[in-house]
Amino acid sequence: MEGTRDTPAARTPVPRAREPLLTALAEAVHDHDERTLRRLLARLAEQVTLADLPALRDALAAARRPRNRRPR
């Protein structure tokens, strides 16, 4: 491995700051507007950082758990 760099953890915007972007993405999908969709996806990709990975992993794990599991 080449030298490792200590990079500060990037802070991502709070989820509420992303709501308008996600709303615009949904509208672009609904309208079949590929050009706008690509632009908005690029903007979302700029906002998402490695700091989001633990939260994403937790959300995916929670989504995979059965919700109505009854004890036997």
N, C-alpha and C. Protein backbone atom coordinates (compact mmCIF):
# COMPACT_ATOMS: atom_id res chain seq x y z
N MET A 1 0.84 -1.19 0.00
CA MET A 1 0.00 0.00 0.00
C MET A 1 0.88 1.24 0.00
N GLU A 2 0.44 2.19 -0.73
CA GLU A 2 1.17 3.45 -0.70
C GLU A 2 0.75 4.20 0.55
N GLY A 3 1.39 5.30 0.81
CA GLY A 3 1.12 6.06 2.03
C GLY A 3 -0.36 6.37 2.19
N THR A 4 -0.84 6.23 3.39
CA THR A 4 -2.23 6.55 3.65
C THR A 4 -2.33 7.97 4.13
N ARG A 5 -3.41 8.59 3.77
CA ARG A 5 -3.63 9.96 4.19
C ARG A 5 -4.73 10.00 5.22
N ASP A 6 -4.55 10.81 6.22
CA ASP A 6 -5.62 11.03 7.19
C ASP A 6 -6.53 12.10 6.61
N THR A 7 -7.71 11.67 6.21
CA THR A 7 -8.65 12.63 5.66
C THR A 7 -9.74 12.87 6.69
N PRO A 8 -10.09 14.11 6.89
CA PRO A 8 -11.15 14.38 7.84
C PRO A 8 -12.47 13.83 7.33
N ALA A 9 -13.30 13.37 8.24
CA ALA A 9 -14.60 12.85 7.84
C ALA A 9 -15.46 14.00 7.33
N ALA A 10 -15.97 13.82 6.15
CA ALA A 10 -16.81 14.86 5.56
C ALA A 10 -18.19 14.79 6.19
N ARG A 11 -18.72 15.92 6.46
CA ARG A 11 -20.07 15.97 7.03
C ARG A 11 -21.06 16.12 5.88
N THR A 12 -22.11 15.39 5.96
CA THR A 12 -23.12 15.47 4.92
C THR A 12 -24.29 16.31 5.41
N PRO A 13 -25.04 16.85 4.49
CA PRO A 13 -26.18 17.66 4.89
C PRO A 13 -27.19 16.82 5.66
N VAL A 14 -27.91 17.46 6.53
CA VAL A 14 -28.96 16.74 7.26
C VAL A 14 -30.00 16.26 6.26
N PRO A 15 -30.70 15.17 6.57
CA PRO A 15 -31.66 14.64 5.61
C PRO A 15 -32.68 15.67 5.12
N ARG A 16 -33.10 16.59 5.99
CA ARG A 16 -34.07 17.60 5.54
C ARG A 16 -33.50 18.48 4.44
N ALA A 17 -32.18 18.65 4.41
CA ALA A 17 -31.57 19.47 3.36
C ALA A 17 -31.63 18.74 2.03
N ARG A 18 -31.79 17.42 2.05
CA ARG A 18 -31.86 16.64 0.82
C ARG A 18 -33.28 16.49 0.31
N GLU A 19 -34.27 16.80 1.12
CA GLU A 19 -35.65 16.58 0.72
C GLU A 19 -36.00 17.26 -0.60
N PRO A 20 -35.64 18.52 -0.82
CA PRO A 20 -35.99 19.14 -2.11
C PRO A 20 -35.32 18.42 -3.28
N LEU A 21 -34.10 17.96 -3.08
CA LEU A 21 -33.40 17.24 -4.14
C LEU A 21 -34.09 15.92 -4.44
N LEU A 22 -34.47 15.20 -3.40
CA LEU A 22 -35.16 13.93 -3.60
C LEU A 22 -36.53 14.13 -4.23
N THR A 23 -37.20 15.20 -3.87
CA THR A 23 -38.48 15.52 -4.48
C THR A 23 -38.30 15.82 -5.97
N ALA A 24 -37.27 16.58 -6.29
CA ALA A 24 -36.98 16.89 -7.69
C ALA A 24 -36.62 15.62 -8.47
N LEU A 25 -35.89 14.71 -7.83
CA LEU A 25 -35.57 13.44 -8.48
C LEU A 25 -36.84 12.66 -8.79
N ALA A 26 -37.74 12.60 -7.84
CA ALA A 26 -39.00 11.87 -8.05
C ALA A 26 -39.79 12.49 -9.19
N GLU A 27 -39.81 13.81 -9.26
CA GLU A 27 -40.54 14.48 -10.34
C GLU A 27 -39.89 14.20 -11.69
N ALA A 28 -38.56 14.19 -11.74
CA ALA A 28 -37.86 13.91 -13.00
C ALA A 28 -38.14 12.49 -13.46
N VAL A 29 -38.20 11.55 -12.52
CA VAL A 29 -38.53 10.16 -12.88
C VAL A 29 -39.96 10.10 -13.40
N HIS A 30 -40.86 10.75 -12.70
CA HIS A 30 -42.27 10.74 -13.10
C HIS A 30 -42.45 11.35 -14.49
N ASP A 31 -41.70 12.42 -14.77
CA ASP A 31 -41.82 13.13 -16.05
C ASP A 31 -40.98 12.50 -17.17
N HIS A 32 -40.22 11.46 -16.84
CA HIS A 32 -39.32 10.81 -17.81
C HIS A 32 -38.32 11.81 -18.40
N ASP A 33 -37.82 12.71 -17.56
CA ASP A 33 -36.87 13.74 -17.98
C ASP A 33 -35.45 13.25 -17.68
N GLU A 34 -34.85 12.55 -18.64
CA GLU A 34 -33.53 11.95 -18.41
C GLU A 34 -32.44 12.97 -18.15
N ARG A 35 -32.47 14.06 -18.88
CA ARG A 35 -31.42 15.08 -18.71
C ARG A 35 -31.42 15.64 -17.28
N THR A 36 -32.59 16.00 -16.80
CA THR A 36 -32.70 16.53 -15.44
C THR A 36 -32.37 15.45 -14.42
N LEU A 37 -32.81 14.24 -14.67
CA LEU A 37 -32.53 13.14 -13.77
C LEU A 37 -31.03 12.92 -13.62
N ARG A 38 -30.32 12.92 -14.71
CA ARG A 38 -28.85 12.75 -14.65
C ARG A 38 -28.19 13.87 -13.86
N ARG A 39 -28.66 15.09 -14.09
CA ARG A 39 -28.09 16.25 -13.38
C ARG A 39 -28.34 16.15 -11.87
N LEU A 40 -29.57 15.77 -11.52
CA LEU A 40 -29.92 15.66 -10.10
C LEU A 40 -29.20 14.50 -9.43
N LEU A 41 -29.05 13.40 -10.15
CA LEU A 41 -28.31 12.26 -9.59
C LEU A 41 -26.85 12.63 -9.35
N ALA A 42 -26.28 13.41 -10.24
CA ALA A 42 -24.90 13.86 -10.04
C ALA A 42 -24.81 14.75 -8.81
N ARG A 43 -25.80 15.61 -8.62
CA ARG A 43 -25.80 16.48 -7.44
C ARG A 43 -25.94 15.66 -6.16
N LEU A 44 -26.80 14.65 -6.18
CA LEU A 44 -26.97 13.78 -5.02
C LEU A 44 -25.68 13.03 -4.73
N ALA A 45 -25.01 12.56 -5.77
CA ALA A 45 -23.75 11.84 -5.58
C ALA A 45 -22.69 12.74 -4.94
N GLU A 46 -22.72 14.01 -5.25
CA GLU A 46 -21.77 14.94 -4.62
C GLU A 46 -22.05 15.08 -3.13
N GLN A 47 -23.32 14.98 -2.75
CA GLN A 47 -23.68 15.16 -1.34
C GLN A 47 -23.40 13.92 -0.50
N VAL A 48 -23.49 12.77 -1.12
CA VAL A 48 -23.31 11.52 -0.39
C VAL A 48 -21.82 11.26 -0.19
N THR A 49 -21.44 10.95 1.02
CA THR A 49 -20.03 10.70 1.30
C THR A 49 -19.88 9.40 2.06
N LEU A 50 -18.66 9.05 2.33
CA LEU A 50 -18.40 7.83 3.08
C LEU A 50 -18.99 7.88 4.48
N ALA A 51 -19.22 9.06 4.98
CA ALA A 51 -19.83 9.19 6.30
C ALA A 51 -21.25 8.64 6.31
N ASP A 52 -21.88 8.53 5.15
CA ASP A 52 -23.24 8.01 5.06
C ASP A 52 -23.28 6.49 5.06
N LEU A 53 -22.18 5.84 4.82
CA LEU A 53 -22.19 4.38 4.69
C LEU A 53 -22.69 3.65 5.93
N PRO A 54 -22.27 4.01 7.15
CA PRO A 54 -22.80 3.32 8.32
C PRO A 54 -24.32 3.48 8.44
N ALA A 55 -24.84 4.66 8.17
CA ALA A 55 -26.28 4.88 8.25
C ALA A 55 -27.00 4.06 7.17
N LEU A 56 -26.42 3.99 5.99
CA LEU A 56 -27.00 3.19 4.92
C LEU A 56 -27.01 1.72 5.28
N ARG A 57 -25.91 1.24 5.83
CA ARG A 57 -25.82 -0.16 6.24
C ARG A 57 -26.88 -0.47 7.30
N ASP A 58 -27.04 0.41 8.28
CA ASP A 58 -28.04 0.20 9.33
C ASP A 58 -29.45 0.21 8.75
N ALA A 59 -29.72 1.10 7.82
CA ALA A 59 -31.04 1.17 7.21
C ALA A 59 -31.34 -0.09 6.41
N LEU A 60 -30.36 -0.57 5.67
CA LEU A 60 -30.56 -1.80 4.90
C LEU A 60 -30.77 -2.99 5.82
N ALA A 61 -30.02 -3.06 6.90
CA ALA A 61 -30.18 -4.17 7.85
C ALA A 61 -31.57 -4.12 8.48
N ALA A 62 -32.04 -2.93 8.82
CA ALA A 62 -33.37 -2.79 9.41
C ALA A 62 -34.45 -3.19 8.42
N ALA A 63 -34.25 -2.86 7.15
CA ALA A 63 -35.25 -3.20 6.13
C ALA A 63 -35.31 -4.70 5.88
N ARG A 64 -34.23 -5.39 6.11
CA ARG A 64 -34.20 -6.84 5.88
C ARG A 64 -34.79 -7.64 7.03
N ARG A 65 -34.86 -7.04 8.23
CA ARG A 65 -35.41 -7.74 9.39
C ARG A 65 -36.91 -7.92 9.23
N PRO A 66 -37.42 -9.10 9.60
CA PRO A 66 -38.88 -9.28 9.56
C PRO A 66 -39.54 -8.35 10.56
N ARG A 67 -40.61 -7.72 10.17
CA ARG A 67 -41.27 -6.74 11.05
C ARG A 67 -42.28 -7.38 11.98
N ASN A 68 -43.03 -8.32 11.49
CA ASN A 68 -44.11 -8.92 12.30
C ASN A 68 -43.74 -10.31 12.76
N ARG A 69 -42.59 -10.45 13.30
CA ARG A 69 -42.15 -11.75 13.76
C ARG A 69 -42.80 -12.06 15.11
N ARG A 70 -43.47 -13.19 15.18
CA ARG A 70 -44.16 -13.59 16.41
C ARG A 70 -43.32 -14.60 17.15
N PRO A 71 -43.20 -14.45 18.46
CA PRO A 71 -42.46 -15.46 19.24
C PRO A 71 -43.22 -16.77 19.26
N ARG A 72 -42.48 -17.86 19.27
CA ARG A 72 -43.09 -19.20 19.28
C ARG A 72 -43.23 -19.72 20.66
